[in-house]
Structures are given as C-alpha cells and as structure tokens.
Amino acid sequence: MRFTITILITIILLPSFAQANDYTTIAKQLKQLTDKHDILIIGEQHGKQESTKLITELTNYLTQNDTNLSIALEVGSDQQAVIDRLMYDSGSVSDIEICQIIDHPAYREMLSGLKNLIAEGRRLQVIAIDGVRKCESRDAWMAEMVVPLINKGKVLCLVGNLHAIKRIRWESGDHNPYLAERIISEGYTVCSVFQLWGMGGGGTLSRISIDDVTGMLDLLSAYMPDEASEFGDYAVSWE
C-alpha cells in the first residue's frame, strides 16, 4: 500500500522532480510546462545530439493535437528564406548556413525531421532568430524576433544555455540581459530549461539547483543568485 502511494505522489509531482530514460518521457513532462507558459526556452551545450533529438521528439508531441507551434532556432535570421525553401519546397538541408559552433550532423537531422512533420500537415513554422554579423546585441535581436511569435501560438526556442538565463547580475554593473530576461521584461511568462551533460542523470528532468547554476556561472563574471529559481526553472541532466 505504501509503495502504491509513493508511485502516485511521484506522478503528481511531475515535472517538478522526475526521472526519465527516453526522449518521449521527457517530452511529455516538458509538454506540461508549455501549457503553463508563453514560451519554453531550452538551453543546450552546442554539438550534442541528445539536444536535437529532444527538440524533434517534443515538437512531434506538441503538434499532435493541431496546435500552432513556432520553433525558434539559433540560426542567423538571414537564413530564413533558405529554411523556408527547405521546409515548404525542395530546398536542401545542406544549403543552410549555420555557425560552426552550433552546426553538427544531428542539428541538420533535426531540421530534416521538422520538415517531415510539416509535410505531414503539422501546424509548425521554423524561425531563424539569431542576429546578423553586425548586430550589436544578439540577445536583443533574438528577443525582437521571438516576441511576435508568442502572439501566434506556442513557442519552443532552442539556444545555448546562457541565453536561457532568466536573470543575471554582472559584477561590472552592466545591464546586458540574455534572451529569457528580455522576454520576461516584455510581460511574457518564460520557462527556462537548461541541458547539462556529464551529470550522470541519463535523462533526468528536475528543478534547477544552486549546484547547476554554479557550474554554468563558473566562466562568467556574474554574481550568484540568492535562489536558483532566479536563474532558471528546470534542468535536463544527461550522462
């Protein structure tokens, strides 16, 4: 009896603290977060195939019930016409110019997977939101690209982990917020989910912890937040 009650409590608490061993399970947990927020920003360490596989699975799950969904990607906005040709015509995934830091085979596989979902009739658009080369502030540019999408339906954004930070206080005193903080300042509700590797989780979704924050802030000249929730919301820990 006690064992049964424990299982029920674990299910009720998802996704506040959840164990997951496959992308579908994590996607279902993240779906609950999209229902409660205007935008779900998923951070990543570039070059990881787990990240792009998760986005593909989550997109598949989110669009099954005829939901309007915009996928915002950290690709130069000057590539939008090339992406549109790929998604809606006969363009090739190899035609898209992607920054070397971000580009890897699994990222292009993700783009092909999104094209297949659109071909199935899913109500999905893929938007390149990154700034062009001479852009003074990438995060300001990305925010300007993303905010209009929120009024059209659900938004799922894949960017580097740092862009998903909800509040950062620089030691220099400068005010230079990342994407998530800029969107919040516009009055929208944001859920930030960071992806961390080498954590031994094997695919675990949980509330972000101060230890998680410490690891991400190690290379930045910024103050630690008083609470991890100031920094972000959740973390997916991979092996």
Protein backbone atom coordinates (compact mmCIF):
# COMPACT_ATOMS: atom_id res chain seq x y z
CA MET A 1 0.00 0.00 0.00
CA ARG A 2 2.80 2.41 0.92
CA PHE A 3 4.57 1.52 -2.33
CA THR A 4 1.45 2.41 -4.36
CA ILE A 5 1.09 5.75 -2.56
CA THR A 6 4.74 6.57 -3.30
CA ILE A 7 4.21 5.97 -7.02
CA LEU A 8 1.12 8.18 -7.05
CA ILE A 9 2.96 11.01 -5.28
CA THR A 10 5.83 10.79 -7.79
CA ILE A 11 3.40 11.06 -10.73
CA ILE A 12 1.57 14.03 -9.19
CA LEU A 13 4.83 15.92 -8.64
CA LEU A 14 5.99 15.64 -12.26
CA PRO A 15 7.64 17.63 -13.75
CA SER A 16 8.89 19.24 -10.53
CA PHE A 17 11.19 16.28 -9.98
CA ALA A 18 11.15 13.47 -12.48
CA GLN A 19 13.19 10.57 -13.72
CA ALA A 20 13.21 9.79 -17.42
CA ASN A 21 15.02 7.24 -19.55
CA ASP A 22 13.81 8.24 -23.02
CA TYR A 23 13.03 11.33 -25.08
CA THR A 24 9.29 10.64 -25.19
CA THR A 25 9.01 10.68 -21.41
CA ILE A 26 10.94 13.93 -21.11
CA ALA A 27 8.87 15.44 -23.94
CA LYS A 28 5.65 14.62 -22.12
CA GLN A 29 6.97 16.27 -18.98
CA LEU A 30 8.02 19.37 -20.93
CA LYS A 31 4.57 19.49 -22.55
CA GLN A 32 3.15 20.26 -19.10
CA LEU A 33 5.47 23.26 -18.90
CA THR A 34 4.40 24.65 -22.29
CA ASP A 35 0.78 24.59 -21.11
CA LYS A 36 1.65 26.97 -18.27
CA HIS A 37 3.95 29.45 -20.02
CA ASP A 38 4.01 31.65 -23.10
CA ILE A 39 7.36 30.29 -24.24
CA LEU A 40 9.61 27.37 -23.40
CA ILE A 41 13.31 28.19 -23.84
CA ILE A 42 15.51 25.11 -23.89
CA GLY A 43 19.21 25.73 -23.48
CA GLU A 44 21.92 23.44 -24.72
CA GLN A 45 25.63 22.82 -24.96
CA HIS A 46 26.20 23.05 -28.69
CA GLY A 47 27.08 19.91 -30.60
CA LYS A 48 25.10 17.44 -28.51
CA GLN A 49 22.80 15.01 -30.33
CA GLU A 50 20.62 14.49 -27.25
CA SER A 51 19.51 18.11 -27.52
CA THR A 52 18.35 17.98 -31.12
CA LYS A 53 16.68 14.59 -30.64
CA LEU A 54 14.77 16.01 -27.68
CA ILE A 55 13.57 19.01 -29.71
CA THR A 56 12.38 16.76 -32.53
CA GLU A 57 10.50 14.49 -30.13
CA LEU A 58 9.00 17.41 -28.22
CA THR A 59 7.88 19.09 -31.45
CA ASN A 60 6.26 15.86 -32.59
CA TYR A 61 4.43 15.61 -29.28
CA LEU A 62 3.34 19.26 -29.14
CA THR A 63 1.89 19.33 -32.66
CA GLN A 64 -0.16 16.14 -32.50
CA ASN A 65 -3.34 17.98 -31.47
CA ASP A 66 -3.38 20.61 -34.22
CA THR A 67 -1.50 23.14 -32.09
CA ASN A 68 0.21 26.15 -33.69
CA LEU A 69 3.89 25.92 -32.79
CA SER A 70 6.86 28.11 -33.67
CA ILE A 71 10.35 26.64 -33.35
CA ALA A 72 12.88 29.42 -32.78
CA LEU A 73 16.46 28.38 -33.56
CA GLU A 74 19.86 29.95 -33.00
CA VAL A 75 20.45 30.32 -36.74
CA GLY A 76 21.17 33.63 -38.46
CA SER A 77 17.93 35.35 -39.46
CA ASP A 78 19.42 35.98 -42.90
CA GLN A 79 18.90 32.23 -43.47
CA GLN A 80 15.11 32.39 -43.12
CA ALA A 81 14.44 32.23 -46.86
CA VAL A 82 16.72 29.18 -47.14
CA ILE A 83 14.92 27.49 -44.23
CA ASP A 84 11.53 28.23 -45.81
CA ARG A 85 12.64 26.60 -49.08
CA LEU A 86 13.70 23.53 -47.12
CA MET A 87 10.52 23.33 -45.07
CA TYR A 88 7.96 24.05 -47.79
CA ASP A 89 9.66 23.31 -51.11
CA SER A 90 12.55 21.29 -52.45
CA GLY A 91 15.42 23.01 -50.66
CA SER A 92 18.29 21.03 -49.18
CA VAL A 93 19.30 21.00 -45.53
CA SER A 94 22.91 21.44 -46.69
CA ASP A 95 22.04 24.86 -48.14
CA ILE A 96 21.53 26.42 -44.71
CA GLU A 97 24.48 28.33 -43.28
CA ILE A 98 24.87 27.57 -39.58
CA CYS A 99 27.57 28.88 -37.28
CA GLN A 100 30.33 26.29 -36.83
CA ILE A 101 29.93 26.39 -33.05
CA ILE A 102 26.29 25.33 -33.39
CA ASP A 103 26.38 23.17 -36.51
CA HIS A 104 26.72 19.39 -36.31
CA PRO A 105 25.15 16.43 -38.19
CA ALA A 106 22.40 15.88 -35.61
CA TYR A 107 21.35 19.55 -35.87
CA ARG A 108 20.71 19.13 -39.59
CA GLU A 109 18.93 15.84 -38.92
CA MET A 110 16.65 17.81 -36.60
CA LEU A 111 15.88 20.27 -39.42
CA SER A 112 15.03 17.35 -41.73
CA GLY A 113 12.80 15.89 -39.03
CA LEU A 114 10.94 19.19 -38.67
CA LYS A 115 10.47 19.30 -42.45
CA ASN A 116 8.90 15.83 -42.31
CA LEU A 117 6.45 16.96 -39.62
CA ILE A 118 5.40 19.92 -41.76
CA ALA A 119 4.93 17.56 -44.72
CA GLU A 120 2.55 15.54 -42.51
CA GLY A 121 0.41 18.66 -42.10
CA ARG A 122 1.58 19.73 -38.64
CA ARG A 123 0.91 23.40 -37.86
CA LEU A 124 4.55 24.26 -37.43
CA GLN A 125 6.92 27.01 -38.51
CA VAL A 126 10.69 27.14 -38.10
CA ILE A 127 12.14 30.58 -37.47
CA ALA A 128 15.81 31.64 -37.54
CA ILE A 129 16.21 34.20 -34.76
CA ASP A 130 19.93 34.86 -34.39
CA GLY A 131 21.44 38.24 -35.24
CA VAL A 132 23.32 39.02 -38.40
CA ARG A 133 27.08 39.55 -38.19
CA LYS A 134 26.98 43.30 -37.43
CA CYS A 135 24.27 43.05 -34.78
CA GLU A 136 25.32 44.91 -31.61
CA SER A 137 23.35 42.68 -29.22
CA ARG A 138 22.43 39.17 -30.28
CA ASP A 139 20.03 38.72 -27.37
CA ALA A 140 18.22 41.99 -28.11
CA TRP A 141 17.90 40.91 -31.75
CA MET A 142 16.64 37.46 -30.79
CA ALA A 143 14.07 38.95 -28.41
CA GLU A 144 12.73 41.17 -31.18
CA MET A 145 12.38 38.11 -33.39
CA VAL A 146 10.76 35.92 -30.75
CA VAL A 147 8.17 38.23 -29.13
CA PRO A 148 5.92 38.47 -32.23
CA LEU A 149 5.83 34.66 -32.42
CA ILE A 150 4.28 34.41 -28.94
CA ASN A 151 1.08 36.07 -30.16
CA LYS A 152 0.66 33.39 -32.85
CA GLY A 153 0.71 30.32 -30.59
CA LYS A 154 3.10 28.25 -28.57
CA VAL A 155 6.83 28.92 -28.93
CA LEU A 156 9.67 26.46 -28.39
CA CYS A 157 13.13 28.02 -28.51
CA LEU A 158 16.45 26.18 -28.72
CA VAL A 159 19.51 28.30 -27.88
CA GLY A 160 22.74 28.00 -25.95
CA ASN A 161 22.30 27.58 -22.21
CA LEU A 162 23.35 31.14 -21.36
CA HIS A 163 20.57 32.69 -23.48
CA ALA A 164 18.03 30.88 -21.29
CA ILE A 165 19.11 32.68 -18.09
CA LYS A 166 16.11 34.49 -16.60
CA ARG A 167 18.10 36.98 -14.51
CA ILE A 168 21.78 37.76 -14.33
CA ARG A 169 23.67 40.36 -12.31
CA TRP A 170 27.05 41.23 -13.77
CA GLU A 171 29.91 42.10 -11.43
CA SER A 172 30.71 45.07 -13.69
CA GLY A 173 27.28 46.54 -13.00
CA ASP A 174 26.38 46.48 -16.71
CA HIS A 175 22.81 45.72 -17.66
CA ASN A 176 23.12 43.27 -20.52
CA PRO A 177 20.44 40.59 -20.03
CA TYR A 178 20.13 37.40 -22.02
CA LEU A 179 17.16 36.40 -24.19
CA ALA A 180 14.93 34.95 -21.47
CA GLU A 181 15.24 38.03 -19.25
CA ARG A 182 14.46 40.33 -22.17
CA ILE A 183 11.27 38.42 -22.99
CA ILE A 184 10.18 38.50 -19.35
CA SER A 185 10.65 42.28 -19.35
CA GLU A 186 8.08 42.42 -22.17
CA GLY A 187 5.49 40.88 -19.86
CA TYR A 188 5.52 37.27 -21.05
CA THR A 189 5.86 34.12 -18.97
CA VAL A 190 9.04 32.19 -19.69
CA CYS A 191 10.05 28.71 -18.62
CA SER A 192 13.81 28.14 -18.88
CA VAL A 193 15.11 24.59 -19.16
CA PHE A 194 18.86 24.05 -19.24
CA GLN A 195 20.55 20.91 -20.53
CA LEU A 196 23.61 19.69 -18.65
CA TRP A 197 25.97 16.90 -19.65
CA GLY A 198 28.22 14.69 -17.57
CA MET A 199 25.81 14.84 -14.65
CA GLY A 200 25.09 11.11 -14.55
CA GLY A 201 21.36 11.62 -14.95
CA GLY A 202 20.84 9.55 -18.06
CA GLY A 203 17.93 11.81 -18.98
CA THR A 204 16.56 13.38 -15.80
CA LEU A 205 14.28 16.41 -15.57
CA SER A 206 14.34 18.26 -12.25
CA ARG A 207 14.11 21.68 -10.71
CA ILE A 208 17.33 23.59 -11.28
CA SER A 209 19.64 23.63 -8.26
CA ILE A 210 22.25 26.05 -6.98
CA ASP A 211 24.89 23.46 -7.91
CA ASP A 212 23.62 23.54 -11.51
CA VAL A 213 23.79 27.34 -11.51
CA THR A 214 27.30 27.33 -10.06
CA GLY A 215 28.54 25.12 -12.88
CA MET A 216 27.11 27.43 -15.55
CA LEU A 217 28.37 30.62 -13.92
CA ASP A 218 31.96 29.40 -13.47
CA LEU A 219 33.12 31.11 -16.67
CA LEU A 220 31.12 34.32 -16.21
CA SER A 221 31.88 37.42 -14.15
CA ALA A 222 28.47 37.45 -12.53
CA TYR A 223 27.02 37.19 -9.04
CA MET A 224 25.39 34.01 -7.83
CA PRO A 225 21.63 34.37 -7.42
CA ASP A 226 20.12 34.09 -3.96
CA GLU A 227 17.82 31.34 -5.24
CA ALA A 228 18.30 29.01 -8.21
CA SER A 229 14.78 29.91 -9.40
CA GLU A 230 16.00 33.45 -10.16
CA PHE A 231 18.38 31.96 -12.71
CA GLY A 232 16.03 29.46 -14.36
CA ASP A 233 13.44 26.77 -13.80
CA TYR A 234 14.44 23.24 -14.75
CA ALA A 235 17.44 21.20 -15.87
CA VAL A 236 17.71 18.09 -18.01
CA SER A 237 20.77 16.15 -16.90
CA TRP A 238 22.39 13.80 -19.39
CA GLU A 239 25.17 11.26 -18.90
